[in-house]
Amino acid sequence: MPLFKKLLSNTIFNACFFLILIIGIQNSSYKAKVNLLINETVELPISFIIGLSFISGSLFSNLLPKDLNL
């Protein structure tokens, strides 16, 4: 059960960040395209690209185990 609570709290935390990101980029004028391996995206605000990469990194880092014995 602690794993579920951890995932739920992290998801809610990052969803709040995403809502703040959406509200914050309303007046963004700098736009760029993201070059994917297959195709390019539509023009997106740079602040949205940076914010979304931060949020996805935060979500995926939560999936890593605490002690990595490398």
C-alpha atoms as a PDB file:
ATOM      1  CA  MET A   1       0.000   0.000   0.000  1.00  0.00           C
ATOM      2  CA  PRO A   2       2.818   2.532   0.597  1.00  0.00           C
ATOM      3  CA  LEU A   3       3.856   2.200  -3.060  1.00  0.00           C
ATOM      4  CA  PHE A   4       0.335   3.081  -4.178  1.00  0.00           C
ATOM      5  CA  LYS A   5       0.254   6.131  -1.887  1.00  0.00           C
ATOM      6  CA  LYS A   6       3.637   7.238  -3.207  1.00  0.00           C
ATOM      7  CA  LEU A   7       2.530   6.910  -6.834  1.00  0.00           C
ATOM      8  CA  LEU A   8      -0.776   8.640  -6.151  1.00  0.00           C
ATOM      9  CA  SER A   9       0.803  11.576  -4.330  1.00  0.00           C
ATOM     10  CA  ASN A  10       3.449  12.001  -7.029  1.00  0.00           C
ATOM     11  CA  THR A  11       0.810  11.886  -9.765  1.00  0.00           C
ATOM     12  CA  ILE A  12      -1.354  14.478  -8.017  1.00  0.00           C
ATOM     13  CA  PHE A  13       1.678  16.699  -7.386  1.00  0.00           C
ATOM     14  CA  ASN A  14       2.737  16.591 -11.040  1.00  0.00           C
ATOM     15  CA  ALA A  15      -0.840  17.090 -12.254  1.00  0.00           C
ATOM     16  CA  CYS A  16      -0.935  20.314 -10.223  1.00  0.00           C
ATOM     17  CA  PHE A  17       2.332  21.378 -11.851  1.00  0.00           C
ATOM     18  CA  PHE A  18       0.808  20.613 -15.257  1.00  0.00           C
ATOM     19  CA  LEU A  19      -2.236  22.787 -14.544  1.00  0.00           C
ATOM     20  CA  ILE A  20      -0.001  25.644 -13.418  1.00  0.00           C
ATOM     21  CA  LEU A  21       2.077  25.146 -16.573  1.00  0.00           C
ATOM     22  CA  ILE A  22      -1.017  25.360 -18.785  1.00  0.00           C
ATOM     23  CA  ILE A  23      -2.159  28.548 -17.052  1.00  0.00           C
ATOM     24  CA  GLY A  24       1.326  30.054 -17.202  1.00  0.00           C
ATOM     25  CA  ILE A  25       1.914  29.615 -20.943  1.00  0.00           C
ATOM     26  CA  GLN A  26      -1.161  31.556 -22.046  1.00  0.00           C
ATOM     27  CA  ASN A  27       0.832  34.593 -23.167  1.00  0.00           C
ATOM     28  CA  SER A  28       3.925  32.803 -24.433  1.00  0.00           C
ATOM     29  CA  SER A  29       5.019  34.057 -27.831  1.00  0.00           C
ATOM     30  CA  TYR A  30       8.201  32.023 -28.418  1.00  0.00           C
ATOM     31  CA  LYS A  31       7.347  28.789 -30.227  1.00  0.00           C
ATOM     32  CA  ALA A  32       9.355  25.896 -31.635  1.00  0.00           C
ATOM     33  CA  LYS A  33       8.835  22.452 -33.139  1.00  0.00           C
ATOM     34  CA  VAL A  34      10.044  19.268 -31.470  1.00  0.00           C
ATOM     35  CA  ASN A  35      11.875  16.973 -33.880  1.00  0.00           C
ATOM     36  CA  LEU A  36      10.851  13.396 -33.132  1.00  0.00           C
ATOM     37  CA  LEU A  37      12.438  10.408 -34.845  1.00  0.00           C
ATOM     38  CA  ILE A  38       9.515   9.903 -37.208  1.00  0.00           C
ATOM     39  CA  ASN A  39       7.977  13.344 -37.576  1.00  0.00           C
ATOM     40  CA  GLU A  40       7.866  16.872 -36.156  1.00  0.00           C
ATOM     41  CA  THR A  41       5.246  18.238 -33.804  1.00  0.00           C
ATOM     42  CA  VAL A  42       3.218  21.380 -34.299  1.00  0.00           C
ATOM     43  CA  GLU A  43       4.701  24.611 -32.986  1.00  0.00           C
ATOM     44  CA  LEU A  44       4.589  24.559 -29.186  1.00  0.00           C
ATOM     45  CA  PRO A  45       5.638  27.247 -26.713  1.00  0.00           C
ATOM     46  CA  ILE A  46       9.165  26.648 -25.462  1.00  0.00           C
ATOM     47  CA  SER A  47       8.031  27.003 -21.851  1.00  0.00           C
ATOM     48  CA  PHE A  48       5.560  24.153 -22.418  1.00  0.00           C
ATOM     49  CA  ILE A  49       8.290  21.898 -23.859  1.00  0.00           C
ATOM     50  CA  ILE A  50      10.630  22.588 -20.941  1.00  0.00           C
ATOM     51  CA  GLY A  51       7.878  22.230 -18.331  1.00  0.00           C
ATOM     52  CA  LEU A  52       6.566  19.002 -19.815  1.00  0.00           C
ATOM     53  CA  SER A  53      10.057  17.486 -19.873  1.00  0.00           C
ATOM     54  CA  PHE A  54      10.487  18.421 -16.198  1.00  0.00           C
ATOM     55  CA  ILE A  55       7.146  16.852 -15.261  1.00  0.00           C
ATOM     56  CA  SER A  56       7.782  13.655 -17.232  1.00  0.00           C
ATOM     57  CA  GLY A  57      11.238  13.342 -15.659  1.00  0.00           C
ATOM     58  CA  SER A  58       9.703  13.751 -12.238  1.00  0.00           C
ATOM     59  CA  LEU A  59       7.093  11.079 -12.945  1.00  0.00           C
ATOM     60  CA  PHE A  60       9.559   8.561 -14.377  1.00  0.00           C
ATOM     61  CA  SER A  61      12.153   9.121 -11.661  1.00  0.00           C
ATOM     62  CA  ASN A  62       9.557   8.052  -9.117  1.00  0.00           C
ATOM     63  CA  LEU A  63       9.477   4.616 -10.751  1.00  0.00           C
ATOM     64  CA  LEU A  64      13.167   4.000 -10.011  1.00  0.00           C
ATOM     65  CA  PRO A  65      14.064   2.044  -6.869  1.00  0.00           C
ATOM     66  CA  LYS A  66      15.507   4.038  -3.969  1.00  0.00           C
ATOM     67  CA  ASP A  67      18.795   2.187  -3.720  1.00  0.00           C
ATOM     68  CA  LEU A  68      20.534   1.574  -7.016  1.00  0.00           C
ATOM     69  CA  ASN A  69      23.518  -0.657  -6.313  1.00  0.00           C
ATOM     70  CA  LEU A  70      25.685   0.266  -9.280  1.00  0.00           C
END
